[in-house]
Amino acid sequence: MKAACVNTEPVQAVQVVPGGVKAQLRYARELYDHGMYVKAREIFSSYTDDPVAQGFAVLCDIKMKTPGHETGLNRYLERFPYSGLGPQIRYAHALNLFDEQDYPSASSELAAVSGKSLYKSQAAEYKFKKAYSDFEIGLEETALQGFMDVYAMPRND
């Protein structure tokens, strides 16, 4: 009688979604879009050979303000400097800096993001937070122009 080899280490299960890898990543994206970053990150990070999945894992870490997320952010941007997720990653990080009232860093990180590379729904927040950060660090002319750009934007009533 042969002894069975048993792995006693805990296994972290990733929910299997019917339809394969694409369906799994689509499910993770839905979780991400609905703010369920822990589960989304778990799925994204399991696809180590997929640069897009890895980028979304970094975004999840940024959104959750995971300790050390800056290291993962920098590593991702160094490894994939032309990733389409780069602007979203920088923007999410800039929003965290803004929320922490680190206006010099927020201004510089927002300056590294092209407003044209963001989603249309992010434009007003991007311009406002860039202008406010500039105002806080004494760049009044730049801030005034930014606030005027925000004021000139179409609004929903």
C-alpha atoms as a PDB file:
ATOM      1  CA  MET A   1       0.000   0.000   0.000  1.00  0.00           C
ATOM      2  CA  LYS A   2       1.472   3.366  -1.089  1.00  0.00           C
ATOM      3  CA  ALA A   3       1.313   6.413   1.153  1.00  0.00           C
ATOM      4  CA  ALA A   4      -0.537   9.340  -0.339  1.00  0.00           C
ATOM      5  CA  CYS A   5       1.322  12.609  -0.702  1.00  0.00           C
ATOM      6  CA  VAL A   6      -0.733  15.302   0.965  1.00  0.00           C
ATOM      7  CA  ASN A   7       0.006  19.004   0.667  1.00  0.00           C
ATOM      8  CA  THR A   8      -0.811  20.576   4.010  1.00  0.00           C
ATOM      9  CA  GLU A   9      -0.337  24.190   2.900  1.00  0.00           C
ATOM     10  CA  PRO A  10      -3.549  26.216   2.642  1.00  0.00           C
ATOM     11  CA  VAL A  11      -4.737  26.726  -0.900  1.00  0.00           C
ATOM     12  CA  GLN A  12      -6.259  30.045  -1.833  1.00  0.00           C
ATOM     13  CA  ALA A  13      -9.097  29.228  -4.178  1.00  0.00           C
ATOM     14  CA  VAL A  14      -9.948  31.498  -7.059  1.00  0.00           C
ATOM     15  CA  GLN A  15     -13.571  31.276  -8.067  1.00  0.00           C
ATOM     16  CA  VAL A  16     -13.784  29.537 -11.410  1.00  0.00           C
ATOM     17  CA  VAL A  17     -16.072  31.267 -13.850  1.00  0.00           C
ATOM     18  CA  PRO A  18     -17.377  29.178 -16.753  1.00  0.00           C
ATOM     19  CA  GLY A  19     -15.937  30.295 -20.082  1.00  0.00           C
ATOM     20  CA  GLY A  20     -12.210  30.222 -19.445  1.00  0.00           C
ATOM     21  CA  VAL A  21      -9.594  32.919 -18.967  1.00  0.00           C
ATOM     22  CA  LYS A  22     -11.438  35.703 -20.801  1.00  0.00           C
ATOM     23  CA  ALA A  23     -14.578  35.150 -18.751  1.00  0.00           C
ATOM     24  CA  GLN A  24     -12.524  35.034 -15.555  1.00  0.00           C
ATOM     25  CA  LEU A  25     -10.811  38.346 -16.372  1.00  0.00           C
ATOM     26  CA  ARG A  26     -14.115  39.912 -17.425  1.00  0.00           C
ATOM     27  CA  TYR A  27     -15.579  38.840 -14.061  1.00  0.00           C
ATOM     28  CA  ALA A  28     -12.586  40.350 -12.245  1.00  0.00           C
ATOM     29  CA  ARG A  29     -13.069  43.580 -14.191  1.00  0.00           C
ATOM     30  CA  GLU A  30     -16.722  43.707 -13.150  1.00  0.00           C
ATOM     31  CA  LEU A  31     -15.667  43.262  -9.537  1.00  0.00           C
ATOM     32  CA  TYR A  32     -13.105  46.047  -9.956  1.00  0.00           C
ATOM     33  CA  ASP A  33     -15.659  48.367 -11.580  1.00  0.00           C
ATOM     34  CA  HIS A  34     -17.970  47.818  -8.601  1.00  0.00           C
ATOM     35  CA  GLY A  35     -15.282  48.527  -6.007  1.00  0.00           C
ATOM     36  CA  MET A  36     -14.751  44.906  -4.930  1.00  0.00           C
ATOM     37  CA  TYR A  37     -10.997  45.251  -5.063  1.00  0.00           C
ATOM     38  CA  VAL A  38      -9.951  42.405  -2.756  1.00  0.00           C
ATOM     39  CA  LYS A  39     -11.576  39.661  -4.844  1.00  0.00           C
ATOM     40  CA  ALA A  40     -10.700  41.380  -8.129  1.00  0.00           C
ATOM     41  CA  ARG A  41      -7.048  41.615  -7.091  1.00  0.00           C
ATOM     42  CA  GLU A  42      -7.022  37.964  -6.120  1.00  0.00           C
ATOM     43  CA  ILE A  43      -8.160  36.997  -9.614  1.00  0.00           C
ATOM     44  CA  PHE A  44      -6.008  39.499 -11.515  1.00  0.00           C
ATOM     45  CA  SER A  45      -2.851  38.603  -9.625  1.00  0.00           C
ATOM     46  CA  SER A  46      -3.301  34.917 -10.487  1.00  0.00           C
ATOM     47  CA  TYR A  47      -2.578  35.768 -14.157  1.00  0.00           C
ATOM     48  CA  THR A  48       1.131  36.524 -13.778  1.00  0.00           C
ATOM     49  CA  ASP A  49       1.866  36.413 -17.525  1.00  0.00           C
ATOM     50  CA  ASP A  50      -0.847  38.913 -18.466  1.00  0.00           C
ATOM     51  CA  PRO A  51       0.332  42.558 -18.342  1.00  0.00           C
ATOM     52  CA  VAL A  52      -3.230  43.912 -18.307  1.00  0.00           C
ATOM     53  CA  ALA A  53      -4.248  41.650 -15.426  1.00  0.00           C
ATOM     54  CA  GLN A  54      -1.103  42.660 -13.549  1.00  0.00           C
ATOM     55  CA  GLY A  55      -1.932  46.336 -14.166  1.00  0.00           C
ATOM     56  CA  PHE A  56      -5.396  45.866 -12.717  1.00  0.00           C
ATOM     57  CA  ALA A  57      -3.879  44.083  -9.708  1.00  0.00           C
ATOM     58  CA  VAL A  58      -1.718  47.195  -9.163  1.00  0.00           C
ATOM     59  CA  LEU A  59      -4.803  49.415  -9.516  1.00  0.00           C
ATOM     60  CA  CYS A  60      -6.580  47.322  -6.881  1.00  0.00           C
ATOM     61  CA  ASP A  61      -3.637  47.790  -4.523  1.00  0.00           C
ATOM     62  CA  ILE A  62      -3.691  51.547  -5.136  1.00  0.00           C
ATOM     63  CA  LYS A  63      -7.450  51.786  -4.588  1.00  0.00           C
ATOM     64  CA  MET A  64      -7.156  49.785  -1.342  1.00  0.00           C
ATOM     65  CA  LYS A  65      -4.078  51.801  -0.313  1.00  0.00           C
ATOM     66  CA  THR A  66      -2.261  48.556   0.373  1.00  0.00           C
ATOM     67  CA  PRO A  67       0.979  49.219   2.271  1.00  0.00           C
ATOM     68  CA  GLY A  68       3.849  49.264  -0.225  1.00  0.00           C
ATOM     69  CA  HIS A  69       1.632  49.767  -3.259  1.00  0.00           C
ATOM     70  CA  GLU A  70       4.034  52.449  -4.519  1.00  0.00           C
ATOM     71  CA  THR A  71       6.704  49.782  -5.039  1.00  0.00           C
ATOM     72  CA  GLY A  72       4.342  47.659  -7.130  1.00  0.00           C
ATOM     73  CA  LEU A  73       3.230  50.733  -9.048  1.00  0.00           C
ATOM     74  CA  ASN A  74       6.804  51.730  -9.895  1.00  0.00           C
ATOM     75  CA  ARG A  75       7.780  48.178 -10.779  1.00  0.00           C
ATOM     76  CA  TYR A  76       4.791  47.855 -13.137  1.00  0.00           C
ATOM     77  CA  LEU A  77       5.449  51.192 -14.850  1.00  0.00           C
ATOM     78  CA  GLU A  78       9.136  50.304 -15.306  1.00  0.00           C
ATOM     79  CA  ARG A  79       8.280  46.905 -16.725  1.00  0.00           C
ATOM     80  CA  PHE A  80       5.437  48.131 -18.971  1.00  0.00           C
ATOM     81  CA  PRO A  81       6.153  51.808 -19.701  1.00  0.00           C
ATOM     82  CA  TYR A  82       3.772  51.901 -22.681  1.00  0.00           C
ATOM     83  CA  SER A  83       0.875  50.109 -21.004  1.00  0.00           C
ATOM     84  CA  GLY A  84      -2.527  51.577 -21.690  1.00  0.00           C
ATOM     85  CA  LEU A  85      -3.179  51.282 -17.951  1.00  0.00           C
ATOM     86  CA  GLY A  86      -0.263  53.570 -17.106  1.00  0.00           C
ATOM     87  CA  PRO A  87      -2.344  56.760 -17.076  1.00  0.00           C
ATOM     88  CA  GLN A  88      -5.036  55.130 -14.906  1.00  0.00           C
ATOM     89  CA  ILE A  89      -2.399  53.855 -12.486  1.00  0.00           C
ATOM     90  CA  ARG A  90      -0.740  57.266 -12.213  1.00  0.00           C
ATOM     91  CA  TYR A  91      -4.110  58.993 -11.863  1.00  0.00           C
ATOM     92  CA  ALA A  92      -5.293  56.656  -9.095  1.00  0.00           C
ATOM     93  CA  HIS A  93      -2.015  57.199  -7.260  1.00  0.00           C
ATOM     94  CA  ALA A  94      -2.315  60.973  -7.701  1.00  0.00           C
ATOM     95  CA  LEU A  95      -5.816  60.889  -6.195  1.00  0.00           C
ATOM     96  CA  ASN A  96      -4.427  59.113  -3.129  1.00  0.00           C
ATOM     97  CA  LEU A  97      -1.699  61.758  -2.812  1.00  0.00           C
ATOM     98  CA  PHE A  98      -4.334  64.492  -3.132  1.00  0.00           C
ATOM     99  CA  ASP A  99      -6.497  62.855  -0.458  1.00  0.00           C
ATOM    100  CA  GLU A 100      -3.442  62.730   1.832  1.00  0.00           C
ATOM    101  CA  GLN A 101      -2.990  66.476   1.165  1.00  0.00           C
ATOM    102  CA  ASP A 102       0.444  65.875  -0.366  1.00  0.00           C
ATOM    103  CA  TYR A 103      -0.222  68.582  -2.939  1.00  0.00           C
ATOM    104  CA  PRO A 104       3.314  68.904  -4.346  1.00  0.00           C
ATOM    105  CA  SER A 105       3.430  65.177  -5.134  1.00  0.00           C
ATOM    106  CA  ALA A 106      -0.175  65.148  -6.359  1.00  0.00           C
ATOM    107  CA  SER A 107       0.513  68.068  -8.705  1.00  0.00           C
ATOM    108  CA  SER A 108       3.593  66.425 -10.142  1.00  0.00           C
ATOM    109  CA  GLU A 109       1.868  63.036 -10.536  1.00  0.00           C
ATOM    110  CA  LEU A 110      -1.168  64.670 -12.180  1.00  0.00           C
ATOM    111  CA  ALA A 111       1.178  66.567 -14.513  1.00  0.00           C
ATOM    112  CA  ALA A 112       2.614  63.206 -15.595  1.00  0.00           C
ATOM    113  CA  VAL A 113      -0.861  62.119 -16.735  1.00  0.00           C
ATOM    114  CA  SER A 114      -2.231  63.384 -20.009  1.00  0.00           C
ATOM    115  CA  GLY A 115      -5.835  64.431 -19.460  1.00  0.00           C
ATOM    116  CA  LYS A 116      -6.608  63.039 -22.912  1.00  0.00           C
ATOM    117  CA  SER A 117      -5.616  59.546 -21.796  1.00  0.00           C
ATOM    118  CA  LEU A 118      -8.231  59.452 -19.030  1.00  0.00           C
ATOM    119  CA  TYR A 119     -11.892  58.540 -19.306  1.00  0.00           C
ATOM    120  CA  LYS A 120     -14.216  61.396 -20.164  1.00  0.00           C
ATOM    121  CA  SER A 121     -15.943  60.951 -16.804  1.00  0.00           C
ATOM    122  CA  GLN A 122     -12.628  61.694 -15.044  1.00  0.00           C
ATOM    123  CA  ALA A 123     -11.904  64.981 -16.821  1.00  0.00           C
ATOM    124  CA  ALA A 124     -13.538  67.408 -14.355  1.00  0.00           C
ATOM    125  CA  GLU A 125     -12.016  65.767 -11.284  1.00  0.00           C
ATOM    126  CA  TYR A 126      -8.605  65.604 -12.954  1.00  0.00           C
ATOM    127  CA  LYS A 127      -8.650  69.304 -13.897  1.00  0.00           C
ATOM    128  CA  PHE A 128     -10.013  70.431 -10.550  1.00  0.00           C
ATOM    129  CA  LYS A 129      -7.551  68.430  -8.445  1.00  0.00           C
ATOM    130  CA  LYS A 130      -4.637  69.508 -10.627  1.00  0.00           C
ATOM    131  CA  ALA A 131      -5.699  73.168 -10.287  1.00  0.00           C
ATOM    132  CA  TYR A 132      -6.238  72.852  -6.532  1.00  0.00           C
ATOM    133  CA  SER A 133      -2.864  71.160  -6.045  1.00  0.00           C
ATOM    134  CA  ASP A 134      -1.185  73.879  -8.087  1.00  0.00           C
ATOM    135  CA  PHE A 135      -2.922  76.551  -5.994  1.00  0.00           C
ATOM    136  CA  GLU A 136      -1.781  74.900  -2.754  1.00  0.00           C
ATOM    137  CA  ILE A 137       1.856  74.935  -3.881  1.00  0.00           C
ATOM    138  CA  GLY A 138       1.768  78.563  -4.987  1.00  0.00           C
ATOM    139  CA  LEU A 139       1.293  78.215  -8.758  1.00  0.00           C
ATOM    140  CA  GLU A 140      -1.581  80.693  -8.854  1.00  0.00           C
ATOM    141  CA  GLU A 141      -1.568  81.427 -12.611  1.00  0.00           C
ATOM    142  CA  THR A 142      -1.628  77.745 -13.519  1.00  0.00           C
ATOM    143  CA  ALA A 143      -4.270  77.087 -10.875  1.00  0.00           C
ATOM    144  CA  LEU A 144      -6.463  79.943 -12.114  1.00  0.00           C
ATOM    145  CA  GLN A 145      -6.331  78.605 -15.670  1.00  0.00           C
ATOM    146  CA  GLY A 146      -7.216  75.132 -14.384  1.00  0.00           C
ATOM    147  CA  PHE A 147     -10.173  76.421 -12.392  1.00  0.00           C
ATOM    148  CA  MET A 148     -11.364  78.386 -15.415  1.00  0.00           C
ATOM    149  CA  ASP A 149     -11.143  75.192 -17.504  1.00  0.00           C
ATOM    150  CA  VAL A 150     -13.295  73.386 -14.942  1.00  0.00           C
ATOM    151  CA  TYR A 151     -15.802  76.258 -14.854  1.00  0.00           C
ATOM    152  CA  ALA A 152     -16.075  76.233 -18.652  1.00  0.00           C
ATOM    153  CA  MET A 153     -16.877  72.520 -18.773  1.00  0.00           C
ATOM    154  CA  PRO A 154     -20.440  71.484 -19.619  1.00  0.00           C
ATOM    155  CA  ARG A 155     -22.514  70.563 -16.569  1.00  0.00           C
ATOM    156  CA  ASN A 156     -25.458  68.281 -16.009  1.00  0.00           C
ATOM    157  CA  ASP A 157     -28.445  69.892 -14.322  1.00  0.00           C
END
